[in-house]
C-alpha atoms as a PDB file:
ATOM      1  CA  MET A   1     106.705 145.175 114.298  1.00  0.00           C
ATOM      2  CA  ARG A   2     104.969 142.708 111.809  1.00  0.00           C
ATOM      3  CA  VAL A   3     104.660 138.957 111.601  1.00  0.00           C
ATOM      4  CA  PRO A   4     105.534 138.219 107.884  1.00  0.00           C
ATOM      5  CA  HIS A   5     102.843 135.567 106.620  1.00  0.00           C
ATOM      6  CA  LYS A   6     105.100 133.857 103.985  1.00  0.00           C
ATOM      7  CA  ASN A   7     107.397 132.598 106.680  1.00  0.00           C
ATOM      8  CA  CYS A   8     104.547 129.971 107.346  1.00  0.00           C
ATOM      9  CA  THR A   9     106.312 127.914 104.486  1.00  0.00           C
ATOM     10  CA  ARG A  10     109.042 126.626 106.474  1.00  0.00           C
ATOM     11  CA  HIS A  11     109.040 125.185 110.129  1.00  0.00           C
ATOM     12  CA  ARG A  12     108.476 128.503 112.010  1.00  0.00           C
ATOM     13  CA  ILE A  13     106.237 127.553 114.719  1.00  0.00           C
ATOM     14  CA  ALA A  14     107.768 130.793 116.683  1.00  0.00           C
ATOM     15  CA  LEU A  15     106.840 132.959 114.067  1.00  0.00           C
ATOM     16  CA  CYS A  16     103.693 131.509 112.177  1.00  0.00           C
ATOM     17  CA  ALA A  17     101.571 129.434 113.983  1.00  0.00           C
ATOM     18  CA  ILE A  18     101.799 131.700 117.165  1.00  0.00           C
ATOM     19  CA  VAL A  19     103.121 135.154 117.115  1.00  0.00           C
ATOM     20  CA  PHE A  20     100.184 137.682 116.850  1.00  0.00           C
ATOM     21  CA  LEU A  21     100.310 141.203 117.405  1.00  0.00           C
ATOM     22  CA  GLY A  22      97.749 143.705 117.525  1.00  0.00           C
ATOM     23  CA  GLY A  23      94.905 140.926 117.277  1.00  0.00           C
ATOM     24  CA  LEU A  24      96.648 139.697 113.572  1.00  0.00           C
ATOM     25  CA  PHE A  25      97.138 136.066 112.910  1.00  0.00           C
ATOM     26  CA  CYS A  26      99.649 134.701 110.614  1.00  0.00           C
ATOM     27  CA  PRO A  27      99.051 134.719 107.759  1.00  0.00           C
ATOM     28  CA  GLN A  28      98.299 138.487 107.213  1.00  0.00           C
ATOM     29  CA  ALA A  29      99.029 140.430 104.213  1.00  0.00           C
ATOM     30  CA  SER A  30     100.569 143.628 104.285  1.00  0.00           C
ATOM     31  CA  LEU A  31      99.085 146.724 102.569  1.00  0.00           C
ATOM     32  CA  ALA A  32     102.497 148.177 101.457  1.00  0.00           C
ATOM     33  CA  SER A  33     106.113 147.003 101.104  1.00  0.00           C
ATOM     34  CA  GLU A  34     107.638 146.204 104.512  1.00  0.00           C
ATOM     35  CA  LEU A  35     110.990 144.726 105.744  1.00  0.00           C
ATOM     36  CA  SER A  36     110.290 142.166 108.366  1.00  0.00           C
ATOM     37  CA  GLY A  37     112.259 138.878 110.564  1.00  0.00           C
ATOM     38  CA  VAL A  38     112.304 137.067 113.160  1.00  0.00           C
ATOM     39  CA  VAL A  39     114.843 135.756 115.834  1.00  0.00           C
ATOM     40  CA  SER A  40     114.528 132.855 117.643  1.00  0.00           C
ATOM     41  CA  LEU A  41     116.205 130.292 120.095  1.00  0.00           C
ATOM     42  CA  THR A  42     114.603 126.770 120.438  1.00  0.00           C
ATOM     43  CA  SER A  43     115.149 123.527 122.671  1.00  0.00           C
ATOM     44  CA  GLU A  44     115.149 121.783 119.683  1.00  0.00           C
ATOM     45  CA  TYR A  45     114.558 121.974 115.883  1.00  0.00           C
ATOM     46  CA  ILE A  46     112.104 119.773 114.323  1.00  0.00           C
ATOM     47  CA  TYR A  47     110.853 119.774 110.698  1.00  0.00           C
ATOM     48  CA  ARG A  48     108.263 117.311 109.354  1.00  0.00           C
ATOM     49  CA  GLY A  49     108.548 114.770 112.662  1.00  0.00           C
ATOM     50  CA  LEU A  50     112.391 114.695 112.222  1.00  0.00           C
ATOM     51  CA  VAL A  51     114.791 116.063 114.495  1.00  0.00           C
ATOM     52  CA  GLN A  52     117.129 118.351 112.699  1.00  0.00           C
ATOM     53  CA  SER A  53     119.914 119.162 115.917  1.00  0.00           C
ATOM     54  CA  ASP A  54     120.313 116.100 117.342  1.00  0.00           C
ATOM     55  CA  GLY A  55     118.840 117.145 120.918  1.00  0.00           C
ATOM     56  CA  ASN A  56     120.751 120.627 120.964  1.00  0.00           C
ATOM     57  CA  PRO A  57     119.215 124.031 120.867  1.00  0.00           C
ATOM     58  CA  ALA A  58     119.337 126.002 117.694  1.00  0.00           C
ATOM     59  CA  PHE A  59     119.372 129.648 116.993  1.00  0.00           C
ATOM     60  CA  GLN A  60     117.459 130.606 114.034  1.00  0.00           C
ATOM     61  CA  PHE A  61     116.980 134.025 111.936  1.00  0.00           C
ATOM     62  CA  GLY A  62     114.970 134.916 109.082  1.00  0.00           C
ATOM     63  CA  LEU A  63     114.516 138.124 106.979  1.00  0.00           C
ATOM     64  CA  ASP A  64     111.626 138.851 105.043  1.00  0.00           C
ATOM     65  CA  TYR A  65     110.855 141.362 102.273  1.00  0.00           C
ATOM     66  CA  GLU A  66     107.015 141.951 100.812  1.00  0.00           C
ATOM     67  CA  PHE A  67     106.154 144.319  97.804  1.00  0.00           C
ATOM     68  CA  ASP A  68     102.623 145.437  97.995  1.00  0.00           C
ATOM     69  CA  SER A  69     101.710 143.662  94.751  1.00  0.00           C
ATOM     70  CA  GLY A  70     101.775 140.738  97.006  1.00  0.00           C
ATOM     71  CA  LEU A  71     105.760 139.206  95.908  1.00  0.00           C
ATOM     72  CA  PHE A  72     107.722 138.553  98.694  1.00  0.00           C
ATOM     73  CA  VAL A  73     111.609 137.027  98.795  1.00  0.00           C
ATOM     74  CA  GLY A  74     113.231 136.336 101.970  1.00  0.00           C
ATOM     75  CA  ALA A  75     115.774 133.883 103.789  1.00  0.00           C
ATOM     76  CA  TRP A  76     116.207 132.178 107.069  1.00  0.00           C
ATOM     77  CA  THR A  77     118.380 130.180 108.699  1.00  0.00           C
ATOM     78  CA  SER A  78     119.458 127.856 111.497  1.00  0.00           C
ATOM     79  CA  THR A  79     122.222 125.719 113.330  1.00  0.00           C
ATOM     80  CA  ILE A  80     121.319 122.260 112.900  1.00  0.00           C
ATOM     81  CA  ASP A  81     123.283 118.795 113.497  1.00  0.00           C
ATOM     82  CA  MET A  82     123.237 116.464 110.893  1.00  0.00           C
ATOM     83  CA  ARG A  83     126.022 113.773 110.906  1.00  0.00           C
ATOM     84  CA  GLY A  84     126.419 110.434 109.079  1.00  0.00           C
ATOM     85  CA  ALA A  85     129.309 107.914 108.105  1.00  0.00           C
ATOM     86  CA  THR A  86     130.812 110.430 105.754  1.00  0.00           C
ATOM     87  CA  SER A  87     128.986 113.662 105.826  1.00  0.00           C
ATOM     88  CA  GLU A  88     128.350 116.565 108.250  1.00  0.00           C
ATOM     89  CA  ARG A  89     126.163 119.724 108.350  1.00  0.00           C
ATOM     90  CA  ASP A  90     126.042 122.147 111.011  1.00  0.00           C
ATOM     91  CA  ILE A  91     124.114 125.050 109.005  1.00  0.00           C
ATOM     92  CA  GLU A  92     121.079 125.381 106.991  1.00  0.00           C
ATOM     93  CA  LEU A  93     120.415 128.475 105.250  1.00  0.00           C
ATOM     94  CA  ASP A  94     117.196 128.536 103.031  1.00  0.00           C
ATOM     95  CA  TYR A  95     116.428 131.573 100.039  1.00  0.00           C
ATOM     96  CA  TYR A  96     112.560 131.659  98.921  1.00  0.00           C
ATOM     97  CA  LEU A  97     110.737 133.935  96.326  1.00  0.00           C
ATOM     98  CA  GLY A  98     106.674 133.536  96.375  1.00  0.00           C
ATOM     99  CA  TYR A  99     103.525 135.326  96.061  1.00  0.00           C
ATOM    100  CA  HIS A 100     100.492 135.554  98.140  1.00  0.00           C
ATOM    101  CA  TYR A 101      97.153 136.409  97.132  1.00  0.00           C
ATOM    102  CA  GLU A 102      93.987 137.268  99.490  1.00  0.00           C
ATOM    103  CA  SER A 103      90.507 137.246  98.517  1.00  0.00           C
ATOM    104  CA  ARG A 104      87.279 139.326  99.437  1.00  0.00           C
ATOM    105  CA  THR A 105      85.968 135.512 100.754  1.00  0.00           C
ATOM    106  CA  GLN A 106      88.235 135.104 103.699  1.00  0.00           C
ATOM    107  CA  LEU A 107      90.235 132.799 101.489  1.00  0.00           C
ATOM    108  CA  ALA A 108      93.995 133.487 100.778  1.00  0.00           C
ATOM    109  CA  ALA A 109      96.578 131.578  98.794  1.00  0.00           C
ATOM    110  CA  THR A 110     100.208 131.427  99.330  1.00  0.00           C
ATOM    111  CA  LEU A 111     102.672 130.209  96.063  1.00  0.00           C
ATOM    112  CA  THR A 112     106.780 129.825  97.501  1.00  0.00           C
ATOM    113  CA  VAL A 113     109.383 128.342  95.732  1.00  0.00           C
ATOM    114  CA  LEU A 114     112.316 127.734  98.177  1.00  0.00           C
ATOM    115  CA  ARG A 115     115.972 126.901  97.822  1.00  0.00           C
ATOM    116  CA  TYR A 116     117.293 124.911 100.687  1.00  0.00           C
ATOM    117  CA  THR A 117     120.992 125.293 101.329  1.00  0.00           C
ATOM    118  CA  TYR A 118     123.762 123.922 103.635  1.00  0.00           C
ATOM    119  CA  PRO A 119     126.923 126.110 103.703  1.00  0.00           C
ATOM    120  CA  GLY A 120     129.752 124.076 104.657  1.00  0.00           C
ATOM    121  CA  GLN A 121     128.728 120.665 104.624  1.00  0.00           C
ATOM    122  CA  ILE A 122     131.040 117.796 104.498  1.00  0.00           C
ATOM    123  CA  GLY A 123     131.309 114.691 102.297  1.00  0.00           C
ATOM    124  CA  SER A 124     131.178 114.499  98.542  1.00  0.00           C
ATOM    125  CA  HIS A 125     127.324 114.567  98.312  1.00  0.00           C
ATOM    126  CA  SER A 126     125.206 118.111  97.981  1.00  0.00           C
ATOM    127  CA  TYR A 127     122.374 117.743 100.245  1.00  0.00           C
ATOM    128  CA  ASP A 128     120.749 121.589  98.798  1.00  0.00           C
ATOM    129  CA  TYR A 129     117.824 120.691  96.859  1.00  0.00           C
ATOM    130  CA  HIS A 130     114.384 123.040  96.204  1.00  0.00           C
ATOM    131  CA  GLU A 131     110.836 122.575  96.895  1.00  0.00           C
ATOM    132  CA  VAL A 132     107.595 124.099  95.763  1.00  0.00           C
ATOM    133  CA  LEU A 133     105.253 125.147  98.688  1.00  0.00           C
ATOM    134  CA  LEU A 134     101.097 125.784  98.198  1.00  0.00           C
ATOM    135  CA  MET A 135      99.653 126.690 101.236  1.00  0.00           C
ATOM    136  CA  ALA A 136      95.574 127.963 100.928  1.00  0.00           C
ATOM    137  CA  THR A 137      94.308 129.820 104.160  1.00  0.00           C
ATOM    138  CA  TRP A 138      90.466 130.406 105.542  1.00  0.00           C
ATOM    139  CA  ARG A 139      89.846 133.084 107.976  1.00  0.00           C
ATOM    140  CA  GLU A 140      93.516 133.576 108.688  1.00  0.00           C
ATOM    141  CA  ARG A 141      93.288 130.565 111.338  1.00  0.00           C
ATOM    142  CA  TYR A 142      92.654 127.601 109.090  1.00  0.00           C
ATOM    143  CA  SER A 143      95.223 126.651 106.436  1.00  0.00           C
ATOM    144  CA  ILE A 144      96.349 123.554 104.300  1.00  0.00           C
ATOM    145  CA  GLU A 145      99.627 123.653 102.759  1.00  0.00           C
ATOM    146  CA  PHE A 146     101.274 120.894 100.195  1.00  0.00           C
ATOM    147  CA  GLY A 147     105.275 120.910  99.483  1.00  0.00           C
ATOM    148  CA  TYR A 148     106.672 118.973  96.497  1.00  0.00           C
ATOM    149  CA  THR A 149     110.395 118.378  95.690  1.00  0.00           C
ATOM    150  CA  ASN A 150     111.601 116.113  92.492  1.00  0.00           C
ATOM    151  CA  ASN A 151     115.097 116.471  93.916  1.00  0.00           C
ATOM    152  CA  TYR A 152     114.873 115.322  97.859  1.00  0.00           C
ATOM    153  CA  TYR A 153     118.031 115.970  99.642  1.00  0.00           C
ATOM    154  CA  GLY A 154     120.143 115.966  96.362  1.00  0.00           C
ATOM    155  CA  LEU A 155     119.148 112.266  95.431  1.00  0.00           C
ATOM    156  CA  ASP A 156     116.993 113.087  92.441  1.00  0.00           C
ATOM    157  CA  SER A 157     113.976 111.254  94.442  1.00  0.00           C
ATOM    158  CA  ILE A 158     110.852 112.617  94.797  1.00  0.00           C
ATOM    159  CA  ALA A 159     109.158 113.758  98.601  1.00  0.00           C
ATOM    160  CA  ARG A 160     105.583 114.855  98.942  1.00  0.00           C
ATOM    161  CA  HIS A 161     104.589 117.018 102.232  1.00  0.00           C
ATOM    162  CA  TRP A 162     100.334 117.598 103.326  1.00  0.00           C
ATOM    163  CA  GLU A 163      99.758 119.794 106.546  1.00  0.00           C
ATOM    164  CA  LEU A 164      96.807 121.085 108.248  1.00  0.00           C
ATOM    165  CA  ARG A 165      96.897 123.595 110.745  1.00  0.00           C
ATOM    166  CA  SER A 166      94.851 125.895 113.271  1.00  0.00           C
ATOM    167  CA  ASP A 167      94.980 128.467 115.626  1.00  0.00           C
ATOM    168  CA  TRP A 168      92.730 129.870 118.668  1.00  0.00           C
ATOM    169  CA  PRO A 169      93.611 133.079 120.134  1.00  0.00           C
ATOM    170  CA  VAL A 170      92.554 132.720 123.807  1.00  0.00           C
ATOM    171  CA  ALA A 171      92.210 135.790 125.732  1.00  0.00           C
ATOM    172  CA  ASN A 172      94.379 138.562 124.602  1.00  0.00           C
ATOM    173  CA  VAL A 173      97.875 136.995 125.189  1.00  0.00           C
ATOM    174  CA  TRP A 174      97.427 133.126 124.397  1.00  0.00           C
ATOM    175  CA  VAL A 175      96.960 131.436 121.131  1.00  0.00           C
ATOM    176  CA  ILE A 176      96.522 127.676 121.488  1.00  0.00           C
ATOM    177  CA  SER A 177      97.598 125.671 117.928  1.00  0.00           C
ATOM    178  CA  ALA A 178      97.618 122.423 116.593  1.00  0.00           C
ATOM    179  CA  ALA A 179      98.854 120.488 113.287  1.00  0.00           C
ATOM    180  CA  LEU A 180      98.441 117.097 111.583  1.00  0.00           C
ATOM    181  CA  GLY A 181     100.992 116.243 108.682  1.00  0.00           C
ATOM    182  CA  ARG A 182     101.790 113.572 106.444  1.00  0.00           C
ATOM    183  CA  ASN A 183     105.535 113.022 104.885  1.00  0.00           C
ATOM    184  CA  ASP A 184     105.610 110.785 101.982  1.00  0.00           C
ATOM    185  CA  LEU A 185     109.393 109.881 101.570  1.00  0.00           C
ATOM    186  CA  SER A 186     109.005 106.669  99.875  1.00  0.00           C
ATOM    187  CA  SER A 187     111.168 107.117  97.119  1.00  0.00           C
ATOM    188  CA  ILE A 188     114.131 106.774  99.153  1.00  0.00           C
ATOM    189  CA  GLY A 189     113.234 103.898 101.378  1.00  0.00           C
ATOM    190  CA  VAL A 190     111.499 106.072 104.086  1.00  0.00           C
ATOM    191  CA  SER A 191     107.550 104.956 105.169  1.00  0.00           C
ATOM    192  CA  ARG A 192     105.135 107.217 104.699  1.00  0.00           C
ATOM    193  CA  TYR A 193     103.974 108.410 108.032  1.00  0.00           C
ATOM    194  CA  LEU A 194     101.886 110.685 110.258  1.00  0.00           C
ATOM    195  CA  HIS A 195     103.506 113.379 112.630  1.00  0.00           C
ATOM    196  CA  TRP A 196     101.562 116.089 114.605  1.00  0.00           C
ATOM    197  CA  ASP A 197     101.973 118.900 117.121  1.00  0.00           C
ATOM    198  CA  VAL A 198      99.913 120.587 119.580  1.00  0.00           C
ATOM    199  CA  GLY A 199     101.075 123.712 121.392  1.00  0.00           C
ATOM    200  CA  ALA A 200     100.494 127.160 123.278  1.00  0.00           C
ATOM    201  CA  SER A 201     102.014 130.404 123.104  1.00  0.00           C
ATOM    202  CA  ALA A 202     101.778 133.883 124.944  1.00  0.00           C
ATOM    203  CA  ARG A 203     103.453 137.230 124.166  1.00  0.00           C
ATOM    204  CA  PHE A 204     105.038 139.327 126.488  1.00  0.00           C
ATOM    205  CA  SER A 205     106.046 142.405 125.694  1.00  0.00           C
ATOM    206  CA  ARG A 206     108.175 141.857 122.353  1.00  0.00           C
ATOM    207  CA  VAL A 207     109.277 138.576 123.019  1.00  0.00           C
ATOM    208  CA  VAL A 208     106.826 135.205 122.463  1.00  0.00           C
ATOM    209  CA  LEU A 209     107.214 131.905 124.590  1.00  0.00           C
ATOM    210  CA  ASP A 210     106.042 128.994 122.946  1.00  0.00           C
ATOM    211  CA  LEU A 211     105.597 125.412 124.296  1.00  0.00           C
ATOM    212  CA  ARG A 212     105.038 122.747 121.839  1.00  0.00           C
ATOM    213  CA  TRP A 213     104.316 118.835 122.002  1.00  0.00           C
ATOM    214  CA  TYR A 214     105.652 116.888 118.846  1.00  0.00           C
ATOM    215  CA  ASP A 215     104.790 113.377 117.678  1.00  0.00           C
ATOM    216  CA  ASN A 216     104.823 110.924 115.356  1.00  0.00           C
ATOM    217  CA  GLU A 217     104.352 107.362 113.767  1.00  0.00           C
ATOM    218  CA  PRO A 218     107.049 105.079 113.680  1.00  0.00           C
ATOM    219  CA  LEU A 219     109.771 105.518 110.724  1.00  0.00           C
ATOM    220  CA  GLY A 220     110.707 103.185 108.603  1.00  0.00           C
ATOM    221  CA  GLY A 221     114.190 103.363 106.891  1.00  0.00           C
ATOM    222  CA  TYR A 222     117.201 105.368 107.279  1.00  0.00           C
ATOM    223  CA  ALA A 223     115.008 108.137 109.091  1.00  0.00           C
ATOM    224  CA  ALA A 224     114.144 105.727 112.170  1.00  0.00           C
ATOM    225  CA  SER A 225     116.326 107.424 113.904  1.00  0.00           C
ATOM    226  CA  LEU A 226     115.668 110.901 113.302  1.00  0.00           C
ATOM    227  CA  ALA A 227     111.820 110.595 114.839  1.00  0.00           C
ATOM    228  CA  ALA A 228     111.532 113.336 117.229  1.00  0.00           C
ATOM    229  CA  GLY A 229     108.505 112.197 119.079  1.00  0.00           C
ATOM    230  CA  PRO A 230     107.035 112.312 121.563  1.00  0.00           C
ATOM    231  CA  GLN A 231     108.585 115.748 123.312  1.00  0.00           C
ATOM    232  CA  LEU A 232     108.097 118.791 124.495  1.00  0.00           C
ATOM    233  CA  VAL A 233     110.314 121.980 122.954  1.00  0.00           C
ATOM    234  CA  VAL A 234     110.330 125.229 124.221  1.00  0.00           C
ATOM    235  CA  SER A 235     110.938 128.313 122.152  1.00  0.00           C
ATOM    236  CA  ILE A 236     111.536 132.024 122.414  1.00  0.00           C
ATOM    237  CA  SER A 237     111.480 134.567 119.539  1.00  0.00           C
ATOM    238  CA  THR A 238     110.890 137.973 118.540  1.00  0.00           C
ATOM    239  CA  ALA A 239     109.729 139.743 115.383  1.00  0.00           C
ATOM    240  CA  PHE A 240     110.505 143.143 114.040  1.00  0.00           C
END
């Protein structure tokens, strides 16, 4: 049972910031090609300070294959509840391809290209889009990530995101983690805003329980109604 470090690139609190096995914290490179995955149930799906499941629980599942060269591929899906006057999305399905490199100085870097899709979406507009993510990690506990797309939600608009995250092990069971991010959606009329989370997680056999507090700065534009915080989210996950 291994934690696939690549999944740190996409809103996987239950897997990336908190799952730890045998003293290894995400991100962690494997020494050989390996298939791994995660199944999660969360009381609310929050992504970069925005609510994705409209206050409802979300079921999530991901598979990841890493080659011994550092290349990896994978897919991740979640139930969502995104509705507008002329559109409706109930499923998010993401595909990704990337490369992970670790140096001998406890520094690591991961480059990931993702494609976000919404199967069965209702309406004339396609919300599918791509994103490039670059993450640097130090000592497997401190990371900074930058994300960029020039076609956010299929609107031919630029979006940028920065995030700092850290994990601190406590005893043999608990991990405390926190993150601070800045999302720039100004090209579609949403004010730039900060978002953050802090939480604790514990492993019980093959199950990980995560309790996390989310909050964010006030949002402008259409996204004001999607602001996630402040709220507590409970997630249960198992990795394989």
